[in-house]
């Protein structure tokens, strides 16, 4: 599996995103063993488009 990691910072908040061919995984980078959100690439694209408008 090839992973690309992207971190976004906003103050003390940081999320880590790993993209795979069929899924996108999102988690809090400070809590590595914590829960993660798994999305389809289409859902992730929709979320990013929505968040960019906010």
PDB file of N, CA and C in Angstrom:
ATOM      1  N   UNK A   1       0.854  -1.176   0.000  1.00  0.00           N
ATOM      2  CA  UNK A   1       0.000   0.000   0.000  1.00  0.00           C
ATOM      3  C   UNK A   1       0.900   1.239   0.000  1.00  0.00           C
ATOM      4  N   UNK A   2       0.583   2.152  -0.863  1.00  0.00           N
ATOM      5  CA  UNK A   2       1.297   3.422  -0.926  1.00  0.00           C
ATOM      6  C   UNK A   2       0.482   4.457  -0.170  1.00  0.00           C
ATOM      7  N   UNK A   3       1.120   5.154   0.725  1.00  0.00           N
ATOM      8  CA  UNK A   3       0.436   6.187   1.495  1.00  0.00           C
ATOM      9  C   UNK A   3       1.066   7.537   1.234  1.00  0.00           C
ATOM     10  N   UNK A   4       0.220   8.501   1.119  1.00  0.00           N
ATOM     11  CA  UNK A   4       0.667   9.887   1.056  1.00  0.00           C
ATOM     12  C   UNK A   4       0.077  10.557   2.278  1.00  0.00           C
ATOM     13  N   UNK A   5       0.900  11.178   3.067  1.00  0.00           N
ATOM     14  CA  UNK A   5       0.396  11.801   4.276  1.00  0.00           C
ATOM     15  C   UNK A   5       0.420  13.306   4.130  1.00  0.00           C
ATOM     16  N   UNK A   6      -0.645  13.914   4.574  1.00  0.00           N
ATOM     17  CA  UNK A   6      -0.785  15.359   4.525  1.00  0.00           C
ATOM     18  C   UNK A   6      -1.211  15.816   5.905  1.00  0.00           C
ATOM     19  N   UNK A   7      -0.543  16.807   6.419  1.00  0.00           N
ATOM     20  CA  UNK A   7      -0.921  17.345   7.720  1.00  0.00           C
ATOM     21  C   UNK A   7      -1.372  18.781   7.545  1.00  0.00           C
ATOM     22  N   UNK A   8      -2.463  19.113   8.194  1.00  0.00           N
ATOM     23  CA  UNK A   8      -3.000  20.464   8.160  1.00  0.00           C
ATOM     24  C   UNK A   8      -2.981  21.011   9.577  1.00  0.00           C
ATOM     25  N   UNK A   9      -2.423  22.195   9.748  1.00  0.00           N
ATOM     26  CA  UNK A   9      -2.324  22.790  11.075  1.00  0.00           C
ATOM     27  C   UNK A   9      -3.260  23.981  11.212  1.00  0.00           C
ATOM     28  N   UNK A  10      -3.863  24.048  12.372  1.00  0.00           N
ATOM     29  CA  UNK A  10      -4.675  25.208  12.744  1.00  0.00           C
ATOM     30  C   UNK A  10      -4.530  25.336  14.254  1.00  0.00           C
ATOM     31  N   UNK A  11      -3.583  26.130  14.684  1.00  0.00           N
ATOM     32  CA  UNK A  11      -3.313  26.224  16.118  1.00  0.00           C
ATOM     33  C   UNK A  11      -2.720  24.917  16.594  1.00  0.00           C
ATOM     34  N   UNK A  12      -3.334  24.317  17.627  1.00  0.00           N
ATOM     35  CA  UNK A  12      -2.866  23.033  18.143  1.00  0.00           C
ATOM     36  C   UNK A  12      -3.535  21.850  17.455  1.00  0.00           C
ATOM     37  N   UNK A  13      -4.440  22.112  16.533  1.00  0.00           N
ATOM     38  CA  UNK A  13      -5.168  21.045  15.855  1.00  0.00           C
ATOM     39  C   UNK A  13      -4.393  20.575  14.630  1.00  0.00           C
ATOM     40  N   UNK A  14      -4.311  19.271  14.453  1.00  0.00           N
ATOM     41  CA  UNK A  14      -3.604  18.722  13.309  1.00  0.00           C
ATOM     42  C   UNK A  14      -4.252  17.402  12.923  1.00  0.00           C
ATOM     43  N   UNK A  15      -4.594  17.258  11.656  1.00  0.00           N
ATOM     44  CA  UNK A  15      -5.102  15.993  11.168  1.00  0.00           C
ATOM     45  C   UNK A  15      -4.122  15.421  10.157  1.00  0.00           C
ATOM     46  N   UNK A  16      -4.112  14.105  10.091  1.00  0.00           N
ATOM     47  CA  UNK A  16      -3.243  13.401   9.169  1.00  0.00           C
ATOM     48  C   UNK A  16      -4.141  12.657   8.185  1.00  0.00           C
ATOM     49  N   UNK A  17      -3.819  12.749   6.906  1.00  0.00           N
ATOM     50  CA  UNK A  17      -4.627  12.133   5.860  1.00  0.00           C
ATOM     51  C   UNK A  17      -3.744  11.163   5.091  1.00  0.00           C
ATOM     52  N   UNK A  18      -4.197   9.929   4.954  1.00  0.00           N
ATOM     53  CA  UNK A  18      -3.491   8.931   4.153  1.00  0.00           C
ATOM     54  C   UNK A  18      -4.414   8.519   3.010  1.00  0.00           C
ATOM     55  N   UNK A  19      -3.944   8.684   1.791  1.00  0.00           N
ATOM     56  CA  UNK A  19      -4.747   8.313   0.634  1.00  0.00           C
ATOM     57  C   UNK A  19      -4.287   6.966   0.095  1.00  0.00           C
ATOM     58  N   UNK A  20      -5.230   6.122  -0.202  1.00  0.00           N
ATOM     59  CA  UNK A  20      -5.006   4.819  -0.810  1.00  0.00           C
ATOM     60  C   UNK A  20      -5.888   4.761  -2.060  1.00  0.00           C
ATOM     61  N   UNK A  21      -5.708   3.783  -2.918  1.00  0.00           N
ATOM     62  CA  UNK A  21      -6.503   3.762  -4.146  1.00  0.00           C
ATOM     63  C   UNK A  21      -8.021   3.775  -3.918  1.00  0.00           C
ATOM     64  N   UNK A  22      -8.500   3.051  -2.915  1.00  0.00           N
ATOM     65  CA  UNK A  22      -9.949   2.925  -2.709  1.00  0.00           C
ATOM     66  C   UNK A  22     -10.479   3.634  -1.480  1.00  0.00           C
ATOM     67  N   UNK A  23      -9.597   4.169  -0.627  1.00  0.00           N
ATOM     68  CA  UNK A  23     -10.032   4.799   0.616  1.00  0.00           C
ATOM     69  C   UNK A  23      -9.146   5.986   0.968  1.00  0.00           C
ATOM     70  N   UNK A  24      -9.697   6.836   1.814  1.00  0.00           N
ATOM     71  CA  UNK A  24      -8.945   7.948   2.396  1.00  0.00           C
ATOM     72  C   UNK A  24      -9.122   7.834   3.907  1.00  0.00           C
ATOM     73  N   UNK A  25      -8.031   7.830   4.639  1.00  0.00           N
ATOM     74  CA  UNK A  25      -8.060   7.685   6.093  1.00  0.00           C
ATOM     75  C   UNK A  25      -7.660   9.011   6.733  1.00  0.00           C
ATOM     76  N   UNK A  26      -8.434   9.427   7.743  1.00  0.00           N
ATOM     77  CA  UNK A  26      -8.184  10.696   8.433  1.00  0.00           C
ATOM     78  C   UNK A  26      -8.130  10.418   9.927  1.00  0.00           C
ATOM     79  N   UNK A  27      -7.139  11.008  10.609  1.00  0.00           N
ATOM     80  CA  UNK A  27      -7.041  10.843  12.062  1.00  0.00           C
ATOM     81  C   UNK A  27      -6.380  12.063  12.682  1.00  0.00           C
ATOM     82  N   UNK A  28      -6.513  12.163  13.986  1.00  0.00           N
ATOM     83  CA  UNK A  28      -5.823  13.173  14.775  1.00  0.00           C
ATOM     84  C   UNK A  28      -4.376  12.701  14.923  1.00  0.00           C
ATOM     85  N   UNK A  29      -3.431  13.471  14.439  1.00  0.00           N
ATOM     86  CA  UNK A  29      -2.036  13.031  14.458  1.00  0.00           C
ATOM     87  C   UNK A  29      -1.465  12.903  15.869  1.00  0.00           C
ATOM     88  N   UNK A  30      -2.097  13.552  16.847  1.00  0.00           N
ATOM     89  CA  UNK A  30      -1.598  13.479  18.227  1.00  0.00           C
ATOM     90  C   UNK A  30      -2.079  12.223  18.938  1.00  0.00           C
ATOM     91  N   UNK A  31      -3.074  11.537  18.376  1.00  0.00           N
ATOM     92  CA  UNK A  31      -3.622  10.328  18.998  1.00  0.00           C
ATOM     93  C   UNK A  31      -3.523   9.199  17.972  1.00  0.00           C
ATOM     94  N   UNK A  32      -2.311   8.686  17.771  1.00  0.00           N
ATOM     95  CA  UNK A  32      -2.067   7.704  16.722  1.00  0.00           C
ATOM     96  C   UNK A  32      -2.897   6.435  16.862  1.00  0.00           C
ATOM     97  N   UNK A  33      -3.170   5.990  18.071  1.00  0.00           N
ATOM     98  CA  UNK A  33      -3.956   4.775  18.282  1.00  0.00           C
ATOM     99  C   UNK A  33      -5.443   5.061  18.423  1.00  0.00           C
ATOM    100  N   UNK A  34      -5.823   6.317  18.264  1.00  0.00           N
ATOM    101  CA  UNK A  34      -7.225   6.703  18.396  1.00  0.00           C
ATOM    102  C   UNK A  34      -8.031   6.348  17.162  1.00  0.00           C
ATOM    103  N   UNK A  35      -9.282   6.749  17.153  1.00  0.00           N
ATOM    104  CA  UNK A  35     -10.154   6.416  16.027  1.00  0.00           C
ATOM    105  C   UNK A  35      -9.721   7.139  14.754  1.00  0.00           C
ATOM    106  N   UNK A  36     -10.112   6.560  13.646  1.00  0.00           N
ATOM    107  CA  UNK A  36      -9.855   7.196  12.363  1.00  0.00           C
ATOM    108  C   UNK A  36     -11.128   7.154  11.537  1.00  0.00           C
ATOM    109  N   UNK A  37     -11.223   8.079  10.639  1.00  0.00           N
ATOM    110  CA  UNK A  37     -12.356   8.169   9.733  1.00  0.00           C
ATOM    111  C   UNK A  37     -11.897   7.621   8.396  1.00  0.00           C
ATOM    112  N   UNK A  38     -12.667   6.691   7.831  1.00  0.00           N
ATOM    113  CA  UNK A  38     -12.340   6.118   6.532  1.00  0.00           C
ATOM    114  C   UNK A  38     -13.429   6.505   5.549  1.00  0.00           C
ATOM    115  N   UNK A  39     -13.024   7.113   4.443  1.00  0.00           N
ATOM    116  CA  UNK A  39     -13.961   7.618   3.444  1.00  0.00           C
ATOM    117  C   UNK A  39     -13.611   7.094   2.058  1.00  0.00           C
ATOM    118  N   UNK A  40     -14.591   7.119   1.177  1.00  0.00           N
ATOM    119  CA  UNK A  40     -14.296   6.857  -0.228  1.00  0.00           C
ATOM    120  C   UNK A  40     -13.640   8.103  -0.803  1.00  0.00           C
ATOM    121  N   UNK A  41     -12.871   7.970  -1.872  1.00  0.00           N
ATOM    122  CA  UNK A  41     -12.277   9.160  -2.485  1.00  0.00           C
ATOM    123  C   UNK A  41     -13.332  10.195  -2.899  1.00  0.00           C
ATOM    124  N   UNK A  42     -14.472   9.755  -3.379  1.00  0.00           N
ATOM    125  CA  UNK A  42     -15.533  10.691  -3.777  1.00  0.00           C
ATOM    126  C   UNK A  42     -16.075  11.452  -2.567  1.00  0.00           C
ATOM    127  N   UNK A  43     -16.263  10.772  -1.448  1.00  0.00           N
ATOM    128  CA  UNK A  43     -16.741  11.443  -0.236  1.00  0.00           C
ATOM    129  C   UNK A  43     -15.710  12.440   0.273  1.00  0.00           C
ATOM    130  N   UNK A  44     -14.437  12.072   0.228  1.00  0.00           N
ATOM    131  CA  UNK A  44     -13.374  12.974   0.667  1.00  0.00           C
ATOM    132  C   UNK A  44     -13.347  14.221  -0.210  1.00  0.00           C
ATOM    133  N   UNK A  45     -13.444  14.042  -1.507  1.00  0.00           N
ATOM    134  CA  UNK A  45     -13.446  15.178  -2.438  1.00  0.00           C
ATOM    135  C   UNK A  45     -14.615  16.111  -2.147  1.00  0.00           C
ATOM    136  N   UNK A  46     -15.797  15.531  -1.889  1.00  0.00           N
ATOM    137  CA  UNK A  46     -16.963  16.339  -1.540  1.00  0.00           C
ATOM    138  C   UNK A  46     -16.774  17.094  -0.239  1.00  0.00           C
ATOM    139  N   UNK A  47     -16.187  16.436   0.746  1.00  0.00           N
ATOM    140  CA  UNK A  47     -15.937  17.092   2.037  1.00  0.00           C
ATOM    141  C   UNK A  47     -14.966  18.258   1.883  1.00  0.00           C
ATOM    142  N   UNK A  48     -13.866  18.042   1.154  1.00  0.00           N
ATOM    143  CA  UNK A  48     -12.878  19.102   0.965  1.00  0.00           C
ATOM    144  C   UNK A  48     -13.491  20.288   0.235  1.00  0.00           C
ATOM    145  N   UNK A  49     -14.310  20.030  -0.778  1.00  0.00           N
ATOM    146  CA  UNK A  49     -14.972  21.111  -1.506  1.00  0.00           C
ATOM    147  C   UNK A  49     -15.901  21.896  -0.573  1.00  0.00           C
ATOM    148  N   UNK A  50     -16.649  21.187   0.261  1.00  0.00           N
ATOM    149  CA  UNK A  50     -17.550  21.834   1.213  1.00  0.00           C
ATOM    150  C   UNK A  50     -16.761  22.661   2.238  1.00  0.00           C
ATOM    151  N   UNK A  51     -15.701  22.061   2.782  1.00  0.00           N
ATOM    152  CA  UNK A  51     -14.912  22.744   3.810  1.00  0.00           C
ATOM    153  C   UNK A  51     -14.211  23.982   3.241  1.00  0.00           C
ATOM    154  N   UNK A  52     -13.829  23.937   2.004  1.00  0.00           N
ATOM    155  CA  UNK A  52     -13.148  25.088   1.389  1.00  0.00           C
ATOM    156  C   UNK A  52     -14.075  26.298   1.262  1.00  0.00           C
ATOM    157  N   UNK A  53     -15.370  26.062   1.230  1.00  0.00           N
ATOM    158  CA  UNK A  53     -16.343  27.136   1.129  1.00  0.00           C
ATOM    159  C   UNK A  53     -16.615  27.803   2.478  1.00  0.00           C
ATOM    160  N   UNK A  54     -16.316  27.117   3.559  1.00  0.00           N
ATOM    161  CA  UNK A  54     -16.628  27.617   4.902  1.00  0.00           C
ATOM    162  C   UNK A  54     -15.718  28.740   5.317  1.00  0.00           C
TER     163      UNK A  54
END
